[in-house]
Amino acid sequence: MKKTYIGGILILFSAIIYGSMLISASIYSETLTKEGVGWDSEYGIFGTAIKEIGNIPIIISILSGILGVIFIILSLRIKGRD
């Protein structure tokens, strides 16, 4: 049962980190539209904002989501044996 809780918490943490990154990018994209700041036309306004925020939040979100799913699967396998 503990693994189920840990897995759920990790998935929730992943969703919060990913959502925070998207909110930060949307707020920062408003800054990019102002004159003198500029954005990369290859990525667009929102893509440039996500690129400027960096890959660390995405990596943390993906890893914690995968770990959460692994913990839940392990919990279900142990529960299935009983």
PDB file of N, CA and C in Angstrom:
ATOM      1  N   MET A   1       0.820  -1.193   0.000  1.00  0.00           N
ATOM      2  CA  MET A   1       0.000   0.000   0.000  1.00  0.00           C
ATOM      3  C   MET A   1       0.867   1.262   0.000  1.00  0.00           C
ATOM      4  N   LYS A   2       2.031   1.167   0.632  1.00  0.00           N
ATOM      5  CA  LYS A   2       2.912   2.324   0.669  1.00  0.00           C
ATOM      6  C   LYS A   2       3.405   2.693  -0.719  1.00  0.00           C
ATOM      7  N   LYS A   3       3.652   1.673  -1.555  1.00  0.00           N
ATOM      8  CA  LYS A   3       4.132   1.946  -2.907  1.00  0.00           C
ATOM      9  C   LYS A   3       3.062   2.649  -3.746  1.00  0.00           C
ATOM     10  N   THR A   4       1.812   2.351  -3.483  1.00  0.00           N
ATOM     11  CA  THR A   4       0.728   3.028  -4.196  1.00  0.00           C
ATOM     12  C   THR A   4       0.700   4.505  -3.835  1.00  0.00           C
ATOM     13  N   TYR A   5       0.851   4.809  -2.556  1.00  0.00           N
ATOM     14  CA  TYR A   5       0.873   6.206  -2.132  1.00  0.00           C
ATOM     15  C   TYR A   5       2.078   6.945  -2.705  1.00  0.00           C
ATOM     16  N   ILE A   6       3.237   6.299  -2.670  1.00  0.00           N
ATOM     17  CA  ILE A   6       4.448   6.931  -3.215  1.00  0.00           C
ATOM     18  C   ILE A   6       4.280   7.181  -4.708  1.00  0.00           C
ATOM     19  N   GLY A   7       3.731   6.199  -5.430  1.00  0.00           N
ATOM     20  CA  GLY A   7       3.509   6.360  -6.859  1.00  0.00           C
ATOM     21  C   GLY A   7       2.533   7.484  -7.165  1.00  0.00           C
ATOM     22  N   GLY A   8       1.464   7.566  -6.390  1.00  0.00           N
ATOM     23  CA  GLY A   8       0.492   8.639  -6.582  1.00  0.00           C
ATOM     24  C   GLY A   8       1.081  10.006  -6.311  1.00  0.00           C
ATOM     25  N   ILE A   9       1.881  10.096  -5.271  1.00  0.00           N
ATOM     26  CA  ILE A   9       2.523  11.367  -4.937  1.00  0.00           C
ATOM     27  C   ILE A   9       3.503  11.777  -6.029  1.00  0.00           C
ATOM     28  N   LEU A  10       4.256  10.819  -6.569  1.00  0.00           N
ATOM     29  CA  LEU A  10       5.198  11.136  -7.643  1.00  0.00           C
ATOM     30  C   LEU A  10       4.479  11.589  -8.913  1.00  0.00           C
ATOM     31  N   ILE A  11       3.366  10.961  -9.240  1.00  0.00           N
ATOM     32  CA  ILE A  11       2.596  11.389 -10.412  1.00  0.00           C
ATOM     33  C   ILE A  11       2.003  12.777 -10.190  1.00  0.00           C
ATOM     34  N   LEU A  12       1.509  13.039  -8.979  1.00  0.00           N
ATOM     35  CA  LEU A  12       1.001  14.372  -8.658  1.00  0.00           C
ATOM     36  C   LEU A  12       2.108  15.415  -8.746  1.00  0.00           C
ATOM     37  N   PHE A  13       3.295  15.095  -8.229  1.00  0.00           N
ATOM     38  CA  PHE A  13       4.450  15.996  -8.304  1.00  0.00           C
ATOM     39  C   PHE A  13       4.807  16.274  -9.760  1.00  0.00           C
ATOM     40  N   SER A  14       4.760  15.242 -10.596  1.00  0.00           N
ATOM     41  CA  SER A  14       5.065  15.391 -12.019  1.00  0.00           C
ATOM     42  C   SER A  14       4.079  16.351 -12.678  1.00  0.00           C
ATOM     43  N   ALA A  15       2.800  16.193 -12.375  1.00  0.00           N
ATOM     44  CA  ALA A  15       1.780  17.063 -12.963  1.00  0.00           C
ATOM     45  C   ALA A  15       1.937  18.506 -12.501  1.00  0.00           C
ATOM     46  N   ILE A  16       2.281  18.696 -11.236  1.00  0.00           N
ATOM     47  CA  ILE A  16       2.460  20.056 -10.718  1.00  0.00           C
ATOM     48  C   ILE A  16       3.661  20.731 -11.364  1.00  0.00           C
ATOM     49  N   ILE A  17       4.769  20.020 -11.490  1.00  0.00           N
ATOM     50  CA  ILE A  17       5.969  20.594 -12.118  1.00  0.00           C
ATOM     51  C   ILE A  17       5.698  20.937 -13.583  1.00  0.00           C
ATOM     52  N   TYR A  18       5.050  20.022 -14.300  1.00  0.00           N
ATOM     53  CA  TYR A  18       4.773  20.260 -15.716  1.00  0.00           C
ATOM     54  C   TYR A  18       3.793  21.428 -15.889  1.00  0.00           C
ATOM     55  N   GLY A  19       2.767  21.477 -15.071  1.00  0.00           N
ATOM     56  CA  GLY A  19       1.814  22.577 -15.146  1.00  0.00           C
ATOM     57  C   GLY A  19       2.445  23.915 -14.808  1.00  0.00           C
ATOM     58  N   SER A  20       3.323  23.912 -13.809  1.00  0.00           N
ATOM     59  CA  SER A  20       4.025  25.147 -13.445  1.00  0.00           C
ATOM     60  C   SER A  20       4.914  25.633 -14.580  1.00  0.00           C
ATOM     61  N   MET A  21       5.537  24.686 -15.282  1.00  0.00           N
ATOM     62  CA  MET A  21       6.385  25.063 -16.413  1.00  0.00           C
ATOM     63  C   MET A  21       5.548  25.691 -17.526  1.00  0.00           C
ATOM     64  N   LEU A  22       4.382  25.112 -17.805  1.00  0.00           N
ATOM     65  CA  LEU A  22       3.518  25.666 -18.852  1.00  0.00           C
ATOM     66  C   LEU A  22       2.982  27.043 -18.474  1.00  0.00           C
ATOM     67  N   ILE A  23       2.625  27.227 -17.210  1.00  0.00           N
ATOM     68  CA  ILE A  23       2.145  28.537 -16.760  1.00  0.00           C
ATOM     69  C   ILE A  23       3.260  29.570 -16.848  1.00  0.00           C
ATOM     70  N   SER A  24       4.475  29.188 -16.451  1.00  0.00           N
ATOM     71  CA  SER A  24       5.611  30.104 -16.535  1.00  0.00           C
ATOM     72  C   SER A  24       5.898  30.486 -17.976  1.00  0.00           C
ATOM     73  N   ALA A  25       5.819  29.525 -18.877  1.00  0.00           N
ATOM     74  CA  ALA A  25       6.067  29.809 -20.295  1.00  0.00           C
ATOM     75  C   ALA A  25       5.001  30.744 -20.858  1.00  0.00           C
ATOM     76  N   SER A  26       3.764  30.562 -20.449  1.00  0.00           N
ATOM     77  CA  SER A  26       2.709  31.435 -20.973  1.00  0.00           C
ATOM     78  C   SER A  26       2.862  32.868 -20.456  1.00  0.00           C
ATOM     79  N   ILE A  27       3.276  33.003 -19.223  1.00  0.00           N
ATOM     80  CA  ILE A  27       3.502  34.346 -18.682  1.00  0.00           C
ATOM     81  C   ILE A  27       4.710  34.991 -19.356  1.00  0.00           C
ATOM     82  N   TYR A  28       5.764  34.207 -19.571  1.00  0.00           N
ATOM     83  CA  TYR A  28       6.965  34.743 -20.206  1.00  0.00           C
ATOM     84  C   TYR A  28       6.728  35.066 -21.677  1.00  0.00           C
ATOM     85  N   SER A  29       5.807  34.358 -22.332  1.00  0.00           N
ATOM     86  CA  SER A  29       5.558  34.627 -23.743  1.00  0.00           C
ATOM     87  C   SER A  29       4.970  36.023 -23.954  1.00  0.00           C
ATOM     88  N   GLU A  30       4.283  36.557 -22.950  1.00  0.00           N
ATOM     89  CA  GLU A  30       3.797  37.934 -23.046  1.00  0.00           C
ATOM     90  C   GLU A  30       4.956  38.914 -23.117  1.00  0.00           C
ATOM     91  N   THR A  31       6.025  38.614 -22.403  1.00  0.00           N
ATOM     92  CA  THR A  31       7.208  39.473 -22.414  1.00  0.00           C
ATOM     93  C   THR A  31       7.894  39.436 -23.772  1.00  0.00           C
ATOM     94  N   LEU A  32       7.876  38.295 -24.413  1.00  0.00           N
ATOM     95  CA  LEU A  32       8.549  38.154 -25.707  1.00  0.00           C
ATOM     96  C   LEU A  32       7.872  38.942 -26.815  1.00  0.00           C
ATOM     97  N   THR A  33       6.601  39.253 -26.651  1.00  0.00           N
ATOM     98  CA  THR A  33       5.890  39.994 -27.696  1.00  0.00           C
ATOM     99  C   THR A  33       6.156  41.494 -27.633  1.00  0.00           C
ATOM    100  N   LYS A  34       6.748  41.960 -26.546  1.00  0.00           N
ATOM    101  CA  LYS A  34       7.030  43.391 -26.440  1.00  0.00           C
ATOM    102  C   LYS A  34       8.171  43.767 -27.380  1.00  0.00           C
ATOM    103  N   GLU A  35       8.188  45.000 -27.763  1.00  0.00           N
ATOM    104  CA  GLU A  35       9.184  45.480 -28.715  1.00  0.00           C
ATOM    105  C   GLU A  35      10.576  45.470 -28.089  1.00  0.00           C
ATOM    106  N   GLY A  36      11.545  44.981 -28.827  1.00  0.00           N
ATOM    107  CA  GLY A  36      12.923  44.963 -28.369  1.00  0.00           C
ATOM    108  C   GLY A  36      13.361  43.647 -27.757  1.00  0.00           C
ATOM    109  N   VAL A  37      12.436  42.778 -27.385  1.00  0.00           N
ATOM    110  CA  VAL A  37      12.810  41.498 -26.782  1.00  0.00           C
ATOM    111  C   VAL A  37      12.951  40.438 -27.856  1.00  0.00           C
ATOM    112  N   GLY A  38      11.924  40.212 -28.615  1.00  0.00           N
ATOM    113  CA  GLY A  38      11.966  39.311 -29.756  1.00  0.00           C
ATOM    114  C   GLY A  38      11.815  37.846 -29.411  1.00  0.00           C
ATOM    115  N   TRP A  39      11.507  37.052 -30.443  1.00  0.00           N
ATOM    116  CA  TRP A  39      11.346  35.613 -30.298  1.00  0.00           C
ATOM    117  C   TRP A  39      11.800  34.949 -31.581  1.00  0.00           C
ATOM    118  N   ASP A  40      12.101  33.672 -31.492  1.00  0.00           N
ATOM    119  CA  ASP A  40      12.594  32.903 -32.626  1.00  0.00           C
ATOM    120  C   ASP A  40      11.411  32.468 -33.488  1.00  0.00           C
ATOM    121  N   SER A  41      11.445  32.830 -34.770  1.00  0.00           N
ATOM    122  CA  SER A  41      10.320  32.508 -35.649  1.00  0.00           C
ATOM    123  C   SER A  41      10.226  31.019 -35.953  1.00  0.00           C
ATOM    124  N   GLU A  42      11.299  30.273 -35.751  1.00  0.00           N
ATOM    125  CA  GLU A  42      11.270  28.830 -35.987  1.00  0.00           C
ATOM    126  C   GLU A  42      10.414  28.112 -34.950  1.00  0.00           C
ATOM    127  N   TYR A  43      10.481  28.550 -33.700  1.00  0.00           N
ATOM    128  CA  TYR A  43       9.740  27.903 -32.608  1.00  0.00           C
ATOM    129  C   TYR A  43       8.409  28.580 -32.313  1.00  0.00           C
ATOM    130  N   GLY A  44       8.254  29.806 -32.682  1.00  0.00           N
ATOM    131  CA  GLY A  44       7.063  30.564 -32.329  1.00  0.00           C
ATOM    132  C   GLY A  44       7.235  31.210 -30.962  1.00  0.00           C
ATOM    133  N   ILE A  45       6.237  31.954 -30.545  1.00  0.00           N
ATOM    134  CA  ILE A  45       6.337  32.684 -29.282  1.00  0.00           C
ATOM    135  C   ILE A  45       6.363  31.720 -28.098  1.00  0.00           C
ATOM    136  N   PHE A  46       5.410  30.793 -28.053  1.00  0.00           N
ATOM    137  CA  PHE A  46       5.330  29.873 -26.919  1.00  0.00           C
ATOM    138  C   PHE A  46       6.500  28.898 -26.905  1.00  0.00           C
ATOM    139  N   GLY A  47       6.911  28.422 -28.076  1.00  0.00           N
ATOM    140  CA  GLY A  47       8.058  27.510 -28.158  1.00  0.00           C
ATOM    141  C   GLY A  47       9.346  28.177 -27.695  1.00  0.00           C
ATOM    142  N   THR A  48       9.508  29.438 -28.035  1.00  0.00           N
ATOM    143  CA  THR A  48      10.685  30.179 -27.570  1.00  0.00           C
ATOM    144  C   THR A  48      10.664  30.335 -26.057  1.00  0.00           C
ATOM    145  N   ALA A  49       9.493  30.579 -25.497  1.00  0.00           N
ATOM    146  CA  ALA A  49       9.382  30.717 -24.040  1.00  0.00           C
ATOM    147  C   ALA A  49       9.732  29.404 -23.351  1.00  0.00           C
ATOM    148  N   ILE A  50       9.254  28.272 -23.884  1.00  0.00           N
ATOM    149  CA  ILE A  50       9.582  26.968 -23.299  1.00  0.00           C
ATOM    150  C   ILE A  50      11.073  26.691 -23.428  1.00  0.00           C
ATOM    151  N   LYS A  51      11.660  27.066 -24.567  1.00  0.00           N
ATOM    152  CA  LYS A  51      13.103  26.878 -24.780  1.00  0.00           C
ATOM    153  C   LYS A  51      13.915  27.710 -23.789  1.00  0.00           C
ATOM    154  N   GLU A  52      13.456  28.913 -23.505  1.00  0.00           N
ATOM    155  CA  GLU A  52      14.160  29.787 -22.569  1.00  0.00           C
ATOM    156  C   GLU A  52      14.046  29.282 -21.131  1.00  0.00           C
ATOM    157  N   ILE A  53      12.936  28.646 -20.785  1.00  0.00           N
ATOM    158  CA  ILE A  53      12.776  28.112 -19.429  1.00  0.00           C
ATOM    159  C   ILE A  53      13.764  26.973 -19.202  1.00  0.00           C
ATOM    160  N   GLY A  54      13.967  26.154 -20.218  1.00  0.00           N
ATOM    161  CA  GLY A  54      14.961  25.092 -20.116  1.00  0.00           C
ATOM    162  C   GLY A  54      14.348  23.709 -20.054  1.00  0.00           C
ATOM    163  N   ASN A  55      15.223  22.706 -20.067  1.00  0.00           N
ATOM    164  CA  ASN A  55      14.797  21.319 -20.101  1.00  0.00           C
ATOM    165  C   ASN A  55      14.703  20.666 -18.724  1.00  0.00           C
ATOM    166  N   ILE A  56      15.262  21.297 -17.710  1.00  0.00           N
ATOM    167  CA  ILE A  56      15.303  20.691 -16.377  1.00  0.00           C
ATOM    168  C   ILE A  56      13.901  20.378 -15.834  1.00  0.00           C
ATOM    169  N   PRO A  57      12.928  21.311 -15.896  1.00  0.00           N
ATOM    170  CA  PRO A  57      11.598  20.963 -15.383  1.00  0.00           C
ATOM    171  C   PRO A  57      10.939  19.820 -16.156  1.00  0.00           C
ATOM    172  N   ILE A  58      11.153  19.777 -17.468  1.00  0.00           N
ATOM    173  CA  ILE A  58      10.578  18.692 -18.263  1.00  0.00           C
ATOM    174  C   ILE A  58      11.197  17.362 -17.869  1.00  0.00           C
ATOM    175  N   ILE A  59      12.511  17.338 -17.684  1.00  0.00           N
ATOM    176  CA  ILE A  59      13.206  16.106 -17.311  1.00  0.00           C
ATOM    177  C   ILE A  59      12.739  15.628 -15.933  1.00  0.00           C
ATOM    178  N   ILE A  60      12.632  16.545 -14.977  1.00  0.00           N
ATOM    179  CA  ILE A  60      12.170  16.185 -13.635  1.00  0.00           C
ATOM    180  C   ILE A  60      10.742  15.648 -13.690  1.00  0.00           C
ATOM    181  N   SER A  61       9.902  16.292 -14.482  1.00  0.00           N
ATOM    182  CA  SER A  61       8.516  15.860 -14.596  1.00  0.00           C
ATOM    183  C   SER A  61       8.404  14.474 -15.225  1.00  0.00           C
ATOM    184  N   ILE A  62       9.139  14.224 -16.275  1.00  0.00           N
ATOM    185  CA  ILE A  62       9.091  12.916 -16.940  1.00  0.00           C
ATOM    186  C   ILE A  62       9.620  11.820 -16.024  1.00  0.00           C
ATOM    187  N   LEU A  63      10.755  12.074 -15.379  1.00  0.00           N
ATOM    188  CA  LEU A  63      11.335  11.056 -14.500  1.00  0.00           C
ATOM    189  C   LEU A  63      10.434  10.731 -13.311  1.00  0.00           C
ATOM    190  N   SER A  64       9.853  11.755 -12.699  1.00  0.00           N
ATOM    191  CA  SER A  64       8.985  11.478 -11.550  1.00  0.00           C
ATOM    192  C   SER A  64       7.697  10.793 -11.994  1.00  0.00           C
ATOM    193  N   GLY A  65       7.201  11.112 -13.174  1.00  0.00           N
ATOM    194  CA  GLY A  65       6.022  10.425 -13.693  1.00  0.00           C
ATOM    195  C   GLY A  65       6.293   8.958 -13.971  1.00  0.00           C
ATOM    196  N   ILE A  66       7.440   8.666 -14.582  1.00  0.00           N
ATOM    197  CA  ILE A  66       7.811   7.278 -14.855  1.00  0.00           C
ATOM    198  C   ILE A  66       8.006   6.504 -13.564  1.00  0.00           C
ATOM    199  N   LEU A  67       8.683   7.108 -12.585  1.00  0.00           N
ATOM    200  CA  LEU A  67       8.867   6.447 -11.295  1.00  0.00           C
ATOM    201  C   LEU A  67       7.536   6.197 -10.596  1.00  0.00           C
ATOM    202  N   GLY A  68       6.614   7.149 -10.703  1.00  0.00           N
ATOM    203  CA  GLY A  68       5.308   6.972 -10.101  1.00  0.00           C
ATOM    204  C   GLY A  68       4.551   5.801 -10.710  1.00  0.00           C
ATOM    205  N   VAL A  69       4.611   5.694 -12.029  1.00  0.00           N
ATOM    206  CA  VAL A  69       3.942   4.577 -12.704  1.00  0.00           C
ATOM    207  C   VAL A  69       4.587   3.248 -12.319  1.00  0.00           C
ATOM    208  N   ILE A  70       5.914   3.228 -12.213  1.00  0.00           N
ATOM    209  CA  ILE A  70       6.617   2.001 -11.815  1.00  0.00           C
ATOM    210  C   ILE A  70       6.202   1.582 -10.409  1.00  0.00           C
ATOM    211  N   PHE A  71       6.127   2.534  -9.476  1.00  0.00           N
ATOM    212  CA  PHE A  71       5.719   2.202  -8.110  1.00  0.00           C
ATOM    213  C   PHE A  71       4.293   1.662  -8.075  1.00  0.00           C
ATOM    214  N   ILE A  72       3.408   2.241  -8.853  1.00  0.00           N
ATOM    215  CA  ILE A  72       2.022   1.759  -8.867  1.00  0.00           C
ATOM    216  C   ILE A  72       1.940   0.365  -9.477  1.00  0.00           C
ATOM    217  N   ILE A  73       2.689   0.112 -10.539  1.00  0.00           N
ATOM    218  CA  ILE A  73       2.700  -1.224 -11.145  1.00  0.00           C
ATOM    219  C   ILE A  73       3.252  -2.252 -10.167  1.00  0.00           C
ATOM    220  N   LEU A  74       4.332  -1.912  -9.469  1.00  0.00           N
ATOM    221  CA  LEU A  74       4.884  -2.831  -8.469  1.00  0.00           C
ATOM    222  C   LEU A  74       3.881  -3.110  -7.358  1.00  0.00           C
ATOM    223  N   SER A  75       3.162  -2.093  -6.953  1.00  0.00           N
ATOM    224  CA  SER A  75       2.157  -2.270  -5.912  1.00  0.00           C
ATOM    225  C   SER A  75       1.034  -3.199  -6.380  1.00  0.00           C
ATOM    226  N   LEU A  76       0.612  -3.041  -7.616  1.00  0.00           N
ATOM    227  CA  LEU A  76      -0.457  -3.900  -8.148  1.00  0.00           C
ATOM    228  C   LEU A  76       0.010  -5.343  -8.324  1.00  0.00           C
ATOM    229  N   ARG A  77       1.258  -5.535  -8.687  1.00  0.00           N
ATOM    230  CA  ARG A  77       1.795  -6.895  -8.823  1.00  0.00           C
ATOM    231  C   ARG A  77       1.858  -7.593  -7.467  1.00  0.00           C
ATOM    232  N   ILE A  78       2.284  -6.856  -6.447  1.00  0.00           N
ATOM    233  CA  ILE A  78       2.363  -7.440  -5.103  1.00  0.00           C
ATOM    234  C   ILE A  78       0.962  -7.748  -4.593  1.00  0.00           C
ATOM    235  N   LYS A  79       0.007  -6.854  -4.875  1.00  0.00           N
ATOM    236  CA  LYS A  79      -1.373  -7.077  -4.440  1.00  0.00           C
ATOM    237  C   LYS A  79      -1.986  -8.253  -5.175  1.00  0.00           C
ATOM    238  N   GLY A  80      -1.596  -8.484  -6.432  1.00  0.00           N
ATOM    239  CA  GLY A  80      -2.119  -9.604  -7.205  1.00  0.00           C
ATOM    240  C   GLY A  80      -1.630 -10.946  -6.719  1.00  0.00           C
ATOM    241  N   ARG A  81      -0.478 -10.990  -6.090  1.00  0.00           N
ATOM    242  CA  ARG A  81       0.062 -12.248  -5.557  1.00  0.00           C
ATOM    243  C   ARG A  81      -0.684 -12.721  -4.329  1.00  0.00           C
ATOM    244  N   ASP A  82      -1.233 -11.783  -3.575  1.00  0.00           N
ATOM    245  CA  ASP A  82      -1.920 -12.149  -2.313  1.00  0.00           C
ATOM    246  C   ASP A  82      -3.248 -12.782  -2.528  1.00  0.00           C
TER     247      ASP A  82
END
